[in-house]
């Protein structure tokens, strides 16, 4: 449901924007509590970071 696109931009459904924009969408559209929306946004960012790390580690040009 929530994904991080990089450069401070998240996406929730068809809404893309800053943390604040997506947080507001989650609380209004889905009725999430603030803590639930924060957790969803952090999870989206962690998934993105894990993907970036995987790409870096699998890059044949990377050191090692």
C-alpha atoms as a PDB file:
ATOM      1  CA  UNK A   1       0.000   0.000   0.000  1.00  0.00           C
ATOM      2  CA  UNK A   2       2.763   2.472   0.933  1.00  0.00           C
ATOM      3  CA  UNK A   3       5.955   2.772  -1.058  1.00  0.00           C
ATOM      4  CA  UNK A   4       8.897   5.137  -0.927  1.00  0.00           C
ATOM      5  CA  UNK A   5      10.058   6.468  -4.286  1.00  0.00           C
ATOM      6  CA  UNK A   6      13.248   8.172  -3.130  1.00  0.00           C
ATOM      7  CA  UNK A   7      14.184  11.824  -2.745  1.00  0.00           C
ATOM      8  CA  UNK A   8      11.641  12.402   0.037  1.00  0.00           C
ATOM      9  CA  UNK A   9       8.638  11.169  -1.942  1.00  0.00           C
ATOM     10  CA  UNK A  10       6.228   8.448  -0.826  1.00  0.00           C
ATOM     11  CA  UNK A  11       3.271   6.956  -2.670  1.00  0.00           C
ATOM     12  CA  UNK A  12      -0.024   5.721  -1.252  1.00  0.00           C
ATOM     13  CA  UNK A  13      -2.453   4.493  -3.914  1.00  0.00           C
ATOM     14  CA  UNK A  14      -2.598   7.296  -6.495  1.00  0.00           C
ATOM     15  CA  UNK A  15      -1.239   9.935  -4.088  1.00  0.00           C
ATOM     16  CA  UNK A  16       2.462  10.756  -4.241  1.00  0.00           C
ATOM     17  CA  UNK A  17       4.168  13.386  -2.150  1.00  0.00           C
ATOM     18  CA  UNK A  18       6.009  14.246   1.014  1.00  0.00           C
ATOM     19  CA  UNK A  19       5.738  12.382   4.316  1.00  0.00           C
ATOM     20  CA  UNK A  20       3.116  14.916   5.422  1.00  0.00           C
ATOM     21  CA  UNK A  21       0.981  14.542   2.281  1.00  0.00           C
ATOM     22  CA  UNK A  22       0.944  10.752   2.489  1.00  0.00           C
ATOM     23  CA  UNK A  23       0.490  10.746   6.282  1.00  0.00           C
ATOM     24  CA  UNK A  24      -2.569  12.969   5.880  1.00  0.00           C
ATOM     25  CA  UNK A  25      -3.937  10.681   3.156  1.00  0.00           C
ATOM     26  CA  UNK A  26      -3.526   7.610   5.378  1.00  0.00           C
ATOM     27  CA  UNK A  27      -5.235   9.211   8.361  1.00  0.00           C
ATOM     28  CA  UNK A  28      -8.118  10.719   6.373  1.00  0.00           C
ATOM     29  CA  UNK A  29      -8.694   8.123   3.651  1.00  0.00           C
ATOM     30  CA  UNK A  30      -8.006   5.005   5.703  1.00  0.00           C
ATOM     31  CA  UNK A  31      -8.843   6.312   9.169  1.00  0.00           C
ATOM     32  CA  UNK A  32      -5.454   5.269  10.498  1.00  0.00           C
ATOM     33  CA  UNK A  33      -4.220   6.595  13.806  1.00  0.00           C
ATOM     34  CA  UNK A  34      -1.149   8.831  13.567  1.00  0.00           C
ATOM     35  CA  UNK A  35       1.111   6.086  14.936  1.00  0.00           C
ATOM     36  CA  UNK A  36      -0.232   3.578  12.374  1.00  0.00           C
ATOM     37  CA  UNK A  37       0.391   6.012   9.512  1.00  0.00           C
ATOM     38  CA  UNK A  38       3.928   6.670  10.793  1.00  0.00           C
ATOM     39  CA  UNK A  39       4.605   2.930  10.935  1.00  0.00           C
ATOM     40  CA  UNK A  40       3.309   2.415   7.382  1.00  0.00           C
ATOM     41  CA  UNK A  41       5.506   5.215   6.025  1.00  0.00           C
ATOM     42  CA  UNK A  42       8.584   3.957   7.872  1.00  0.00           C
ATOM     43  CA  UNK A  43       7.934   0.437   6.564  1.00  0.00           C
ATOM     44  CA  UNK A  44       7.721   1.775   3.011  1.00  0.00           C
ATOM     45  CA  UNK A  45      11.044   3.540   3.462  1.00  0.00           C
ATOM     46  CA  UNK A  46      12.686   0.431   4.935  1.00  0.00           C
ATOM     47  CA  UNK A  47      11.559  -1.661   1.970  1.00  0.00           C
ATOM     48  CA  UNK A  48      13.057   0.902  -0.407  1.00  0.00           C
ATOM     49  CA  UNK A  49      16.329   1.000   1.560  1.00  0.00           C
ATOM     50  CA  UNK A  50      16.565  -2.807   1.557  1.00  0.00           C
ATOM     51  CA  UNK A  51      16.008  -2.846  -2.210  1.00  0.00           C
ATOM     52  CA  UNK A  52      18.718  -0.202  -2.697  1.00  0.00           C
ATOM     53  CA  UNK A  53      21.160  -2.195  -0.581  1.00  0.00           C
ATOM     54  CA  UNK A  54      20.378  -5.395  -2.499  1.00  0.00           C
ATOM     55  CA  UNK A  55      21.003  -3.605  -5.801  1.00  0.00           C
ATOM     56  CA  UNK A  56      24.289  -2.197  -4.519  1.00  0.00           C
ATOM     57  CA  UNK A  57      25.490  -5.560  -3.236  1.00  0.00           C
ATOM     58  CA  UNK A  58      24.551  -7.313  -6.476  1.00  0.00           C
ATOM     59  CA  UNK A  59      26.125  -4.642  -8.688  1.00  0.00           C
ATOM     60  CA  UNK A  60      29.032  -6.330 -10.517  1.00  0.00           C
ATOM     61  CA  UNK A  61      30.881  -2.988 -10.543  1.00  0.00           C
ATOM     62  CA  UNK A  62      30.739  -2.812  -6.749  1.00  0.00           C
ATOM     63  CA  UNK A  63      33.957  -3.489  -4.898  1.00  0.00           C
ATOM     64  CA  UNK A  64      35.009  -6.934  -3.548  1.00  0.00           C
END
